[in-house]
N, C-alpha and C. Protein backbone atom coordinates (compact mmCIF):
# COMPACT_ATOMS: atom_id res chain seq x y z
N MET A 1 129.57 108.74 162.84
CA MET A 1 128.14 108.48 162.79
C MET A 1 127.53 109.99 162.23
N GLN A 2 126.64 109.97 161.24
CA GLN A 2 126.28 111.33 160.91
C GLN A 2 125.28 111.70 161.40
N THR A 3 124.82 113.01 161.98
CA THR A 3 123.87 113.31 162.69
C THR A 3 122.86 114.26 161.96
N ILE A 4 121.68 114.38 162.14
CA ILE A 4 120.73 115.39 161.63
C ILE A 4 120.34 116.56 162.62
N ASP A 5 120.86 117.72 162.30
CA ASP A 5 120.28 118.47 163.46
C ASP A 5 118.66 119.11 163.02
N ALA A 6 118.26 120.33 163.99
CA ALA A 6 116.91 120.75 163.61
C ALA A 6 116.73 121.48 162.37
N THR A 7 117.86 122.05 162.07
CA THR A 7 117.63 122.94 160.95
C THR A 7 117.57 121.75 159.44
N ASP A 8 118.43 120.69 159.57
CA ASP A 8 118.28 119.66 158.52
C ASP A 8 116.83 119.14 158.65
N SER A 9 116.53 118.86 159.72
CA SER A 9 114.85 118.30 159.76
C SER A 9 114.06 119.04 159.21
N ILE A 10 114.00 120.36 159.40
CA ILE A 10 112.98 121.52 158.96
C ILE A 10 113.01 121.29 157.55
N GLN A 11 114.35 121.43 156.84
CA GLN A 11 114.58 121.39 155.51
C GLN A 11 114.07 120.32 154.78
N VAL A 12 114.28 119.00 155.30
CA VAL A 12 113.58 117.66 154.92
C VAL A 12 112.03 117.90 154.95
N ARG A 13 111.44 118.31 155.83
CA ARG A 13 110.06 118.68 156.23
C ARG A 13 109.50 119.56 155.10
N GLN A 14 110.01 120.74 154.61
CA GLN A 14 109.88 121.67 153.79
C GLN A 14 109.78 121.04 152.09
N THR A 15 110.86 120.29 151.85
CA THR A 15 111.10 119.63 151.01
C THR A 15 109.98 118.60 150.56
N THR A 16 109.64 117.62 151.73
CA THR A 16 109.06 116.91 151.54
C THR A 16 107.42 117.37 151.11
N THR A 17 107.08 118.43 152.01
CA THR A 17 105.68 119.26 151.69
C THR A 17 105.67 119.88 150.29
N SER A 18 106.70 120.55 149.85
CA SER A 18 106.81 121.09 148.49
C SER A 18 106.48 120.18 147.64
N SER A 19 106.95 118.82 147.87
CA SER A 19 106.84 117.89 146.73
C SER A 19 105.41 117.36 146.67
N LEU A 20 104.97 117.05 147.95
CA LEU A 20 103.43 116.66 147.95
C LEU A 20 102.53 117.86 147.23
N LEU A 21 102.85 119.11 147.81
CA LEU A 21 101.95 120.28 147.23
C LEU A 21 102.19 120.02 145.42
N ALA A 22 103.35 119.93 145.03
CA ALA A 22 103.48 120.02 143.54
C ALA A 22 102.82 118.86 142.79
N LYS A 23 102.81 117.63 143.67
CA LYS A 23 102.28 116.61 143.06
C LYS A 23 100.74 116.54 142.94
N VAL A 24 100.08 117.14 143.92
CA VAL A 24 98.71 117.45 144.26
C VAL A 24 98.29 118.46 143.23
N LEU A 25 98.89 119.62 142.89
CA LEU A 25 98.54 120.44 142.08
C LEU A 25 98.66 119.83 140.62
N TRP A 26 99.91 119.20 140.42
CA TRP A 26 99.76 118.54 139.00
C TRP A 26 98.83 117.74 138.75
N ILE A 27 98.35 116.71 139.81
CA ILE A 27 97.19 115.72 139.48
C ILE A 27 95.76 116.60 139.49
N THR A 28 95.67 117.76 140.30
CA THR A 28 94.44 118.50 139.99
C THR A 28 94.49 119.19 138.83
N THR A 29 95.29 119.74 138.24
CA THR A 29 95.43 120.49 137.09
C THR A 29 95.05 119.39 135.76
N VAL A 30 95.56 118.34 136.01
CA VAL A 30 95.27 117.16 134.65
C VAL A 30 93.96 116.95 134.79
N GLY A 31 93.20 116.88 136.21
CA GLY A 31 91.85 116.47 136.42
C GLY A 31 91.00 117.51 135.78
N PHE A 32 91.55 118.72 135.80
CA PHE A 32 90.59 119.67 135.27
C PHE A 32 90.68 119.56 133.87
N LEU A 33 91.62 119.20 133.27
CA LEU A 33 91.73 118.98 131.80
C LEU A 33 90.90 117.84 131.36
N PHE A 34 90.78 116.76 132.14
CA PHE A 34 89.68 115.81 131.95
C PHE A 34 88.44 116.19 132.03
N THR A 35 88.08 117.07 132.86
CA THR A 35 86.82 117.82 133.35
C THR A 35 86.54 118.58 131.94
N ALA A 36 87.30 119.27 131.33
CA ALA A 36 86.90 120.09 130.12
C ALA A 36 86.64 118.97 129.06
N PHE A 37 87.58 117.96 128.97
CA PHE A 37 87.26 117.21 127.88
C PHE A 37 85.93 116.32 127.99
N GLY A 38 85.46 116.18 129.45
CA GLY A 38 84.10 115.42 129.66
C GLY A 38 82.92 116.43 129.21
N ALA A 39 83.15 117.76 129.47
CA ALA A 39 82.19 118.76 129.27
C ALA A 39 81.98 118.72 127.62
N TRP A 40 83.08 118.58 126.92
CA TRP A 40 83.35 118.90 125.67
C TRP A 40 82.42 117.65 124.63
N ILE A 41 82.65 116.54 125.27
CA ILE A 41 82.11 115.15 124.69
C ILE A 41 80.64 115.06 125.02
N ALA A 42 80.31 115.72 126.23
CA ALA A 42 79.13 115.50 126.56
C ALA A 42 77.89 115.68 125.52
N PRO A 43 76.69 114.81 125.67
CA PRO A 43 75.78 115.23 124.75
C PRO A 43 74.83 116.65 125.05
N PRO A 44 74.34 117.09 123.90
CA PRO A 44 73.52 118.59 124.31
C PRO A 44 72.49 118.57 125.56
N THR A 45 71.88 117.21 125.72
CA THR A 45 71.17 117.19 126.62
C THR A 45 71.23 115.75 127.41
N LEU A 46 71.29 115.69 128.84
CA LEU A 46 71.61 114.38 129.42
C LEU A 46 70.14 113.74 129.80
N GLY A 47 69.20 114.58 130.02
CA GLY A 47 67.88 113.62 130.46
C GLY A 47 68.02 112.95 131.54
N PHE A 48 67.51 111.68 131.61
CA PHE A 48 67.50 110.81 132.69
C PHE A 48 68.87 110.17 133.19
N SER A 49 69.68 110.35 132.21
CA SER A 49 71.23 109.67 132.42
C SER A 49 71.99 110.94 133.36
N TYR A 50 71.43 111.98 133.74
CA TYR A 50 71.96 112.91 134.78
C TYR A 50 71.99 112.47 136.08
N LEU A 51 70.88 111.73 136.46
CA LEU A 51 70.87 111.13 137.73
C LEU A 51 71.77 110.08 137.97
N ALA A 52 72.11 109.19 136.72
CA ALA A 52 73.07 108.05 136.94
C ALA A 52 74.35 108.43 136.88
N ILE A 53 74.75 109.61 136.32
CA ILE A 53 75.98 110.00 136.31
C ILE A 53 76.34 110.73 137.44
N VAL A 54 75.32 111.51 138.42
CA VAL A 54 75.46 112.01 139.88
C VAL A 54 75.86 110.66 140.79
N ILE A 55 74.95 109.68 140.55
CA ILE A 55 75.14 108.57 141.58
C ILE A 55 76.52 107.97 141.30
N VAL A 56 76.68 107.85 140.31
CA VAL A 56 78.10 107.01 139.77
C VAL A 56 79.50 108.03 140.25
N ASN A 57 79.36 109.18 140.12
CA ASN A 57 80.37 110.23 140.62
C ASN A 57 80.42 109.98 142.07
N PHE A 58 78.96 110.07 142.74
CA PHE A 58 79.16 109.99 144.22
C PHE A 58 79.68 108.91 144.91
N ALA A 59 79.72 107.72 144.27
CA ALA A 59 80.18 106.49 144.43
C ALA A 59 81.66 106.64 144.22
N LEU A 60 82.03 107.17 143.37
CA LEU A 60 83.64 107.29 142.81
C LEU A 60 84.25 108.08 143.85
N ILE A 61 83.61 109.03 144.22
CA ILE A 61 84.47 109.97 145.52
C ILE A 61 84.94 108.94 146.76
N PHE A 62 83.99 107.83 146.94
CA PHE A 62 84.48 106.80 147.96
C PHE A 62 85.36 105.78 147.70
N ALA A 63 85.11 105.71 146.19
CA ALA A 63 85.95 104.34 145.83
C ALA A 63 87.38 104.89 145.57
N ILE A 64 87.50 106.26 145.28
CA ILE A 64 89.03 106.93 144.92
C ILE A 64 89.83 106.73 146.36
N SER A 65 89.02 107.43 147.45
CA SER A 65 89.56 107.49 148.59
C SER A 65 90.24 106.24 149.12
N TYR A 66 89.02 105.17 148.94
CA TYR A 66 89.53 103.48 149.51
C TYR A 66 90.73 103.16 148.46
N ALA A 67 90.63 103.10 147.21
CA ALA A 67 91.66 102.88 146.14
C ALA A 67 93.08 103.21 146.42
N ALA A 68 92.93 104.79 146.67
CA ALA A 68 94.14 105.43 146.82
C ALA A 68 95.08 104.79 147.90
N ARG A 69 94.53 104.33 149.03
CA ARG A 69 95.02 103.58 150.24
C ARG A 69 95.76 102.47 149.83
N LYS A 70 95.18 101.75 148.96
CA LYS A 70 95.62 100.51 148.47
C LYS A 70 96.78 100.47 147.21
N SER A 71 96.25 101.45 146.28
CA SER A 71 97.36 101.55 144.98
C SER A 71 97.17 102.94 144.58
N ASN A 72 98.22 103.66 144.41
CA ASN A 72 98.28 104.77 143.94
C ASN A 72 97.73 104.82 142.42
N ALA A 73 98.21 103.99 141.48
CA ALA A 73 97.61 103.81 140.35
C ALA A 73 96.14 103.78 140.11
N LEU A 74 95.69 103.04 140.78
CA LEU A 74 94.40 102.74 140.67
C LEU A 74 93.51 103.92 141.37
N GLY A 75 93.94 104.83 142.15
CA GLY A 75 93.14 105.68 142.77
C GLY A 75 93.11 106.75 141.73
N LEU A 76 94.69 107.16 141.13
CA LEU A 76 94.82 108.04 140.04
C LEU A 76 93.79 107.72 139.05
N THR A 77 93.61 106.56 138.30
CA THR A 77 92.87 106.00 137.50
C THR A 77 91.64 106.46 137.72
N LEU A 78 90.99 106.01 138.68
CA LEU A 78 89.57 106.16 139.14
C LEU A 78 89.35 107.82 139.24
N PHE A 79 90.27 108.57 139.66
CA PHE A 79 90.26 109.88 140.03
C PHE A 79 90.06 110.76 138.60
N TYR A 80 90.85 110.29 137.34
CA TYR A 80 90.79 111.02 136.22
C TYR A 80 89.13 110.40 135.59
N VAL A 81 88.75 109.32 135.95
CA VAL A 81 87.48 108.69 135.47
C VAL A 81 86.50 109.76 135.93
N PHE A 82 86.61 109.89 137.12
CA PHE A 82 85.53 110.84 137.99
C PHE A 82 85.64 112.14 137.53
N THR A 83 86.85 112.82 137.18
CA THR A 83 86.87 113.93 136.72
C THR A 83 86.32 114.50 135.37
N THR A 84 86.32 113.13 134.55
CA THR A 84 85.51 113.08 133.29
C THR A 84 84.11 113.25 133.30
N LEU A 85 83.81 112.45 134.27
CA LEU A 85 82.34 112.33 134.35
C LEU A 85 81.64 113.60 134.99
N MET A 86 82.73 114.35 135.81
CA MET A 86 82.31 115.37 136.22
C MET A 86 82.04 116.50 135.28
N GLY A 87 82.79 116.40 134.21
CA GLY A 87 82.80 117.30 132.97
C GLY A 87 81.39 117.15 132.43
N VAL A 88 80.93 115.69 132.17
CA VAL A 88 79.71 115.73 131.59
C VAL A 88 78.70 116.17 132.48
N GLN A 89 78.86 115.70 133.86
CA GLN A 89 77.81 116.35 134.97
C GLN A 89 77.40 117.81 134.99
N ILE A 90 78.48 118.41 134.75
CA ILE A 90 78.45 120.01 134.67
C ILE A 90 78.02 120.77 133.50
N SER A 91 78.15 119.93 132.25
CA SER A 91 78.10 120.53 131.08
C SER A 91 77.01 121.21 130.66
N PRO A 92 75.86 120.81 131.14
CA PRO A 92 74.39 121.73 131.03
C PRO A 92 74.31 122.93 131.64
N ILE A 93 75.45 123.25 132.95
CA ILE A 93 75.55 124.46 133.35
C ILE A 93 76.32 125.33 132.69
N LEU A 94 77.76 124.59 131.90
CA LEU A 94 78.57 125.44 131.02
C LEU A 94 77.97 125.67 129.80
N ASN A 95 77.09 124.79 129.17
CA ASN A 95 76.47 125.14 128.06
C ASN A 95 75.47 126.36 127.97
N GLN A 96 74.67 126.45 129.24
CA GLN A 96 74.11 127.53 129.41
C GLN A 96 74.42 128.63 129.69
N THR A 97 75.50 128.88 130.34
CA THR A 97 76.46 130.00 130.41
C THR A 97 76.87 130.53 129.30
N LEU A 98 77.66 129.58 128.45
CA LEU A 98 78.33 130.00 127.06
C LEU A 98 77.37 130.23 126.28
N GLN A 99 75.96 129.86 126.26
CA GLN A 99 75.06 130.39 125.23
C GLN A 99 74.34 131.67 125.43
N SER A 100 74.68 132.39 126.63
CA SER A 100 74.29 133.45 127.15
C SER A 100 75.05 134.44 126.72
N ALA A 101 74.33 135.66 126.91
CA ALA A 101 75.28 137.12 126.51
C ALA A 101 76.39 136.97 127.31
N GLY A 102 77.71 137.33 126.73
CA GLY A 102 79.03 137.44 127.36
C GLY A 102 79.29 136.16 128.08
N GLY A 103 78.74 134.90 127.60
CA GLY A 103 79.08 133.66 128.41
C GLY A 103 80.88 133.23 128.39
N GLN A 104 81.38 133.38 127.14
CA GLN A 104 82.60 133.10 127.54
C GLN A 104 83.51 133.71 128.09
N THR A 105 83.26 135.06 128.28
CA THR A 105 83.74 135.96 129.26
C THR A 105 83.55 135.44 130.53
N ILE A 106 82.47 135.18 130.98
CA ILE A 106 82.05 134.77 132.27
C ILE A 106 82.75 133.59 132.83
N VAL A 107 82.76 132.53 131.76
CA VAL A 107 83.29 131.22 132.04
C VAL A 107 84.88 131.59 132.19
N PHE A 108 85.57 132.10 131.28
CA PHE A 108 87.02 132.68 131.52
C PHE A 108 87.25 133.54 132.83
N GLN A 109 86.54 134.43 133.44
CA GLN A 109 86.47 135.08 134.41
C GLN A 109 86.40 134.12 135.88
N ALA A 110 85.37 133.18 135.43
CA ALA A 110 85.22 132.15 136.82
C ALA A 110 86.67 131.35 136.79
N ALA A 111 87.01 130.92 135.75
CA ALA A 111 88.20 129.95 135.68
C ALA A 111 89.34 130.66 136.40
N LEU A 112 89.51 131.99 135.71
CA LEU A 112 90.80 132.70 136.33
C LEU A 112 90.89 132.99 137.90
N THR A 113 89.56 133.73 138.13
CA THR A 113 89.27 133.87 139.58
C THR A 113 89.45 132.54 140.57
N THR A 114 89.21 131.44 140.03
CA THR A 114 89.12 130.34 140.84
C THR A 114 90.69 129.90 140.88
N ALA A 115 91.72 130.16 139.83
CA ALA A 115 92.95 129.70 139.66
C ALA A 115 93.85 130.73 140.69
N LEU A 116 93.42 132.01 140.62
CA LEU A 116 94.12 132.93 141.40
C LEU A 116 93.69 132.77 143.02
N GLY A 117 92.67 132.23 143.14
CA GLY A 117 92.03 131.77 144.43
C GLY A 117 92.91 130.74 145.04
N MET A 118 93.16 129.83 144.28
CA MET A 118 93.72 128.40 144.98
C MET A 118 95.10 129.03 145.10
N ALA A 119 95.62 129.68 144.37
CA ALA A 119 97.15 130.26 144.31
C ALA A 119 97.29 131.11 145.92
N LEU A 120 96.28 131.96 146.06
CA LEU A 120 96.07 132.85 147.44
C LEU A 120 95.98 131.90 148.57
N MET A 121 95.23 130.98 148.59
CA MET A 121 94.81 129.93 149.49
C MET A 121 96.09 129.27 150.06
N GLY A 122 96.80 128.64 148.58
CA GLY A 122 98.00 127.82 148.92
C GLY A 122 99.16 128.71 149.62
N ILE A 123 99.04 130.09 149.41
CA ILE A 123 100.23 130.89 150.19
C ILE A 123 99.99 131.22 151.63
N VAL A 124 98.58 131.52 151.64
CA VAL A 124 98.04 131.88 153.22
C VAL A 124 98.24 130.43 153.88
N ALA A 125 98.09 129.32 153.50
CA ALA A 125 98.18 128.03 154.06
C ALA A 125 99.49 127.81 154.64
N GLN A 126 100.47 128.30 154.05
CA GLN A 126 101.70 128.17 154.34
C GLN A 126 102.15 129.03 155.79
N PHE A 127 101.49 130.00 156.17
CA PHE A 127 101.86 130.97 156.99
C PHE A 127 100.44 130.86 158.14
N ALA A 128 99.30 130.35 157.61
CA ALA A 128 98.53 130.35 158.91
C ALA A 128 98.75 129.37 160.04
N ASN A 129 98.24 129.93 161.19
CA ASN A 129 98.80 128.89 162.36
C ASN A 129 97.16 129.09 163.33
N PHE A 130 96.44 128.19 162.92
CA PHE A 130 95.08 128.03 163.85
C PHE A 130 94.66 126.55 163.60
N ASN A 131 93.66 126.10 164.40
CA ASN A 131 93.17 124.89 164.57
C ASN A 131 92.23 124.70 163.52
N TYR A 132 93.06 124.40 162.19
CA TYR A 132 92.37 124.32 160.96
C TYR A 132 91.09 122.86 160.98
N MET A 133 91.39 122.02 161.93
CA MET A 133 90.54 120.84 161.78
C MET A 133 89.14 121.40 162.56
N LYS A 134 89.19 122.19 163.53
CA LYS A 134 88.05 122.86 164.16
C LYS A 134 87.19 123.53 163.00
N VAL A 135 87.98 124.43 162.14
CA VAL A 135 87.48 125.49 161.36
C VAL A 135 86.77 124.52 160.18
N GLY A 136 87.69 123.28 159.96
CA GLY A 136 87.00 122.54 158.86
C GLY A 136 85.67 121.75 159.22
N ARG A 137 85.55 121.59 160.66
CA ARG A 137 84.27 120.95 161.12
C ARG A 137 83.16 121.81 160.89
N ILE A 138 83.45 123.16 161.37
CA ILE A 138 82.52 124.15 161.20
C ILE A 138 81.86 124.38 159.88
N ALA A 139 82.88 124.32 158.86
CA ALA A 139 82.79 124.48 157.61
C ALA A 139 81.83 123.03 156.96
N PHE A 140 82.24 122.14 157.60
CA PHE A 140 81.27 120.87 157.22
C PHE A 140 79.84 121.04 157.58
N PHE A 141 79.63 121.35 158.84
CA PHE A 141 78.25 121.74 159.32
C PHE A 141 77.62 122.70 158.30
N ALA A 142 78.42 123.66 158.28
CA ALA A 142 77.65 124.92 157.32
C ALA A 142 77.33 124.41 155.95
N LEU A 143 77.99 123.26 155.41
CA LEU A 143 77.81 123.06 153.95
C LEU A 143 76.66 121.86 154.24
N ILE A 144 76.37 121.24 155.41
CA ILE A 144 75.10 120.31 155.51
C ILE A 144 74.09 121.32 155.28
N GLY A 145 74.08 122.52 156.45
CA GLY A 145 72.77 123.50 156.19
C GLY A 145 72.69 124.05 154.90
N LEU A 146 73.91 124.31 154.02
CA LEU A 146 73.51 124.94 152.69
C LEU A 146 72.62 123.86 151.82
N VAL A 147 73.24 122.48 151.96
CA VAL A 147 72.74 121.47 151.16
C VAL A 147 71.16 121.27 151.72
N VAL A 148 70.79 121.40 152.75
CA VAL A 148 69.35 121.41 153.18
C VAL A 148 68.50 122.80 152.45
N LEU A 149 69.35 123.97 152.59
CA LEU A 149 68.72 125.10 152.14
C LEU A 149 68.47 125.11 150.54
N GLY A 150 69.41 124.35 149.84
CA GLY A 150 69.12 124.15 148.46
C GLY A 150 68.05 123.10 148.14
N LEU A 151 68.03 122.01 148.92
CA LEU A 151 66.84 121.32 148.69
C LEU A 151 65.57 121.84 149.02
N LEU A 152 65.38 122.67 150.12
CA LEU A 152 64.35 123.35 150.26
C LEU A 152 63.80 124.37 149.11
N GLY A 153 65.13 124.97 148.66
CA GLY A 153 64.80 126.02 147.51
C GLY A 153 64.28 125.49 146.40
N SER A 154 64.47 124.20 146.14
CA SER A 154 64.39 123.44 145.01
C SER A 154 62.87 123.17 144.78
N PHE A 155 62.10 123.09 146.27
CA PHE A 155 60.44 123.15 146.05
C PHE A 155 59.95 124.27 146.32
N VAL A 156 60.25 125.36 147.22
CA VAL A 156 59.70 126.28 147.59
C VAL A 156 60.10 127.72 147.02
N PHE A 157 61.34 127.41 146.38
CA PHE A 157 62.10 128.66 145.48
C PHE A 157 62.07 130.28 146.32
N PHE A 158 62.36 129.98 147.37
CA PHE A 158 62.51 131.29 148.24
C PHE A 158 64.07 131.69 148.57
N VAL A 159 64.86 130.62 148.12
CA VAL A 159 66.25 131.06 148.11
C VAL A 159 67.08 131.87 147.02
N ASN A 160 67.42 132.82 147.13
CA ASN A 160 68.15 133.65 146.19
C ASN A 160 69.35 133.32 145.53
N PRO A 161 69.17 132.84 144.31
CA PRO A 161 70.37 132.15 143.73
C PRO A 161 71.83 132.73 143.75
N THR A 162 71.89 133.93 144.03
CA THR A 162 73.02 134.82 144.10
C THR A 162 73.51 134.76 145.40
N ILE A 163 72.64 134.67 146.56
CA ILE A 163 73.15 134.54 147.89
C ILE A 163 73.51 133.15 148.11
N TYR A 164 72.94 132.05 147.53
CA TYR A 164 73.16 130.89 147.72
C TYR A 164 74.52 130.58 147.11
N ALA A 165 74.93 131.06 145.92
CA ALA A 165 76.17 130.97 145.21
C ALA A 165 77.35 131.69 146.22
N TRP A 166 77.16 132.88 146.84
CA TRP A 166 78.14 133.47 147.70
C TRP A 166 78.24 132.54 148.96
N LEU A 167 77.36 132.05 149.22
CA LEU A 167 77.19 131.10 150.65
C LEU A 167 78.36 129.92 150.20
N THR A 168 77.93 129.52 148.92
CA THR A 168 78.70 128.35 148.27
C THR A 168 80.53 128.56 148.46
N LEU A 169 80.63 129.81 147.70
CA LEU A 169 81.89 130.35 147.64
C LEU A 169 82.52 130.71 148.86
N ILE A 170 82.05 131.03 149.79
CA ILE A 170 82.61 131.34 151.25
C ILE A 170 82.98 129.90 151.76
N ILE A 171 82.26 129.26 151.91
CA ILE A 171 82.10 127.88 152.40
C ILE A 171 83.16 126.78 151.72
N PHE A 172 83.46 126.95 150.52
CA PHE A 172 84.27 125.94 149.94
C PHE A 172 85.68 126.60 149.70
N SER A 173 85.69 128.24 149.94
CA SER A 173 86.95 128.74 149.94
C SER A 173 87.59 128.39 151.31
N VAL A 174 87.01 128.39 152.40
CA VAL A 174 87.42 127.86 153.90
C VAL A 174 88.10 126.25 153.71
N PHE A 175 87.08 125.47 152.99
CA PHE A 175 87.46 123.96 152.64
C PHE A 175 89.00 124.07 151.98
N LEU A 176 89.16 125.00 150.87
CA LEU A 176 90.19 125.16 150.15
C LEU A 176 91.51 125.45 150.89
N LEU A 177 91.16 126.45 152.07
CA LEU A 177 92.16 126.68 152.69
C LEU A 177 92.58 125.69 153.74
N VAL A 178 91.65 125.01 154.38
CA VAL A 178 92.00 123.96 155.29
C VAL A 178 92.56 122.61 154.50
N ASP A 179 92.34 122.42 153.27
CA ASP A 179 93.01 121.39 152.58
C ASP A 179 94.55 121.62 152.29
N PHE A 180 94.58 122.88 151.86
CA PHE A 180 95.99 123.31 151.78
C PHE A 180 96.80 123.23 152.99
N MET A 181 96.29 123.37 154.07
CA MET A 181 96.83 123.27 155.53
C MET A 181 96.92 121.58 155.69
N ARG A 182 96.32 120.96 155.06
CA ARG A 182 96.37 119.47 155.42
C ARG A 182 97.68 119.09 154.69
N ILE A 183 97.54 119.45 153.47
CA ILE A 183 98.74 119.24 152.61
C ILE A 183 100.02 119.71 153.19
N ARG A 184 100.22 120.73 153.79
CA ARG A 184 101.15 121.26 154.57
C ARG A 184 101.64 120.50 155.79
N ASP A 185 100.57 119.65 156.37
CA ASP A 185 101.04 118.73 157.38
C ASP A 185 101.01 117.52 156.88
N ARG A 186 100.92 117.16 155.59
CA ARG A 186 100.91 115.90 154.88
C ARG A 186 100.17 114.80 155.66
N GLN A 187 98.89 115.17 155.86
CA GLN A 187 97.85 113.98 156.29
C GLN A 187 97.62 112.97 155.54
N PHE A 188 97.39 113.16 154.29
CA PHE A 188 97.02 112.27 153.35
C PHE A 188 97.93 112.19 152.14
N GLY A 189 97.69 111.09 151.18
CA GLY A 189 98.34 111.09 150.11
C GLY A 189 98.09 111.95 149.09
N ALA A 190 98.80 112.08 147.96
CA ALA A 190 98.62 112.98 147.02
C ALA A 190 97.26 112.75 146.00
N VAL A 191 96.87 111.62 145.85
CA VAL A 191 95.61 111.36 145.15
C VAL A 191 94.37 112.03 146.18
N GLN A 192 94.29 111.44 147.34
CA GLN A 192 93.25 111.77 148.31
C GLN A 192 93.47 113.43 148.45
N MET A 193 94.22 113.85 148.65
CA MET A 193 94.47 115.46 148.59
C MET A 193 93.95 116.24 147.28
N ALA A 194 94.42 115.39 146.00
CA ALA A 194 94.04 116.11 144.92
C ALA A 194 92.58 115.98 144.58
N LEU A 195 91.81 115.13 145.26
CA LEU A 195 90.38 114.92 145.00
C LEU A 195 89.92 116.06 145.97
N SER A 196 90.18 116.36 147.11
CA SER A 196 89.64 117.38 147.91
C SER A 196 89.96 118.79 147.52
N ILE A 197 91.01 118.78 146.65
CA ILE A 197 91.18 120.24 146.23
C ILE A 197 90.52 120.37 144.90
N TYR A 198 90.45 119.25 144.27
CA TYR A 198 89.36 119.41 143.15
C TYR A 198 88.24 119.87 143.40
N LEU A 199 87.60 119.20 144.18
CA LEU A 199 86.14 119.29 144.68
C LEU A 199 85.86 120.81 145.17
N ASP A 200 86.93 121.09 146.00
CA ASP A 200 86.72 122.67 146.38
C ASP A 200 86.79 123.62 145.33
N ALA A 201 87.81 123.47 144.43
CA ALA A 201 87.93 124.46 143.44
C ALA A 201 86.80 124.33 142.24
N LEU A 202 86.10 123.02 142.24
CA LEU A 202 85.03 123.03 141.29
C LEU A 202 83.73 123.72 141.71
N ASN A 203 83.42 123.45 142.98
CA ASN A 203 82.52 124.09 143.66
C ASN A 203 82.69 125.66 143.72
N ILE A 204 84.06 126.21 143.73
CA ILE A 204 84.11 127.56 143.58
C ILE A 204 83.96 128.11 142.24
N PHE A 205 84.50 127.26 141.30
CA PHE A 205 84.16 127.70 140.01
C PHE A 205 82.82 127.87 139.54
N LEU A 206 82.02 126.87 139.77
CA LEU A 206 80.43 126.73 139.78
C LEU A 206 79.85 128.00 140.70
N ALA A 207 80.19 128.20 141.72
CA ALA A 207 79.68 129.32 142.21
C ALA A 207 79.98 130.79 141.67
N LEU A 208 81.27 130.80 141.10
CA LEU A 208 81.50 132.00 140.39
C LEU A 208 80.69 132.13 139.08
N LEU A 209 80.79 131.17 138.55
CA LEU A 209 79.73 131.13 137.26
C LEU A 209 78.51 131.78 137.59
N ARG A 210 77.89 131.46 138.59
CA ARG A 210 76.58 131.84 139.08
C ARG A 210 76.63 133.31 139.49
N ILE A 211 77.48 133.61 140.23
CA ILE A 211 77.84 134.96 140.62
C ILE A 211 78.09 135.82 139.45
N PHE A 212 78.83 135.42 138.69
CA PHE A 212 79.39 136.50 137.56
C PHE A 212 78.00 136.53 136.32
N GLY A 213 77.38 135.48 136.53
CA GLY A 213 76.10 135.43 135.51
C GLY A 213 75.10 136.05 135.98
N GLY A 214 74.98 136.49 137.14
CA GLY A 214 73.93 137.11 137.76
C GLY A 214 72.78 136.56 138.36
N GLY A 215 73.40 135.08 138.92
CA GLY A 215 72.42 134.47 139.66
C GLY A 215 71.64 133.66 138.75
N ARG A 216 71.75 133.57 137.40
CA ARG A 216 70.63 132.70 136.61
C ARG A 216 70.67 131.11 137.22
N ARG A 217 69.55 130.57 137.14
CA ARG A 217 69.46 129.23 137.46
C ARG A 217 69.95 128.38 136.38
N SER A 218 70.53 127.11 136.70
CA SER A 218 71.07 126.36 135.78
C SER A 218 69.94 125.25 135.31
N SER A 219 69.93 124.78 134.06
CA SER A 219 68.99 123.91 133.50
C SER A 219 69.68 122.54 133.26
N ARG A 220 68.81 121.59 133.07
CA ARG A 220 69.43 120.20 132.68
C ARG A 220 68.72 119.82 131.52
């Protein structure tokens, strides 16, 4: 009767984790391609449809998480619908940036920095050893505070856009590290983890756009 020693178990665990990580990163990468496509096909102005898209995307986040537990194919399909609509949703920000002086350079720098940041966090997550669940909870409450701050800033205009962008960058960088550690421990399926990584990376990208663009406000 064949036995599996501790070394074999570790190797199997590492192989499984590497396979999940590769699958998550592939799904996320394709998702960003759909986002680019969504931004490309988006109309010049969204008008009142912007709010409808935001609501649909918010609903899709929950739908993807639920569907992925029942069917990977359905979850993946909804994920790509979501990432395409996200491209439409962020198109006003991208268009404003691209039309500004040095806009193409800003977008390229933000995309490259996001990719490098993802690679760095992915590496750190393989060696980090701390209670990432606790850190994730702290980051979640920090995000709630950031959202409240943003809502207040929409009416009072006392929030410095660059400072807000830096806070966004820090919070979602923490989320990104935590999510990579969750992949390491195989807490969820590939589609669910791809959704989390995608949202982290997208928010980091948008924060970098604002930082590299000098904190200019977006228009719709």
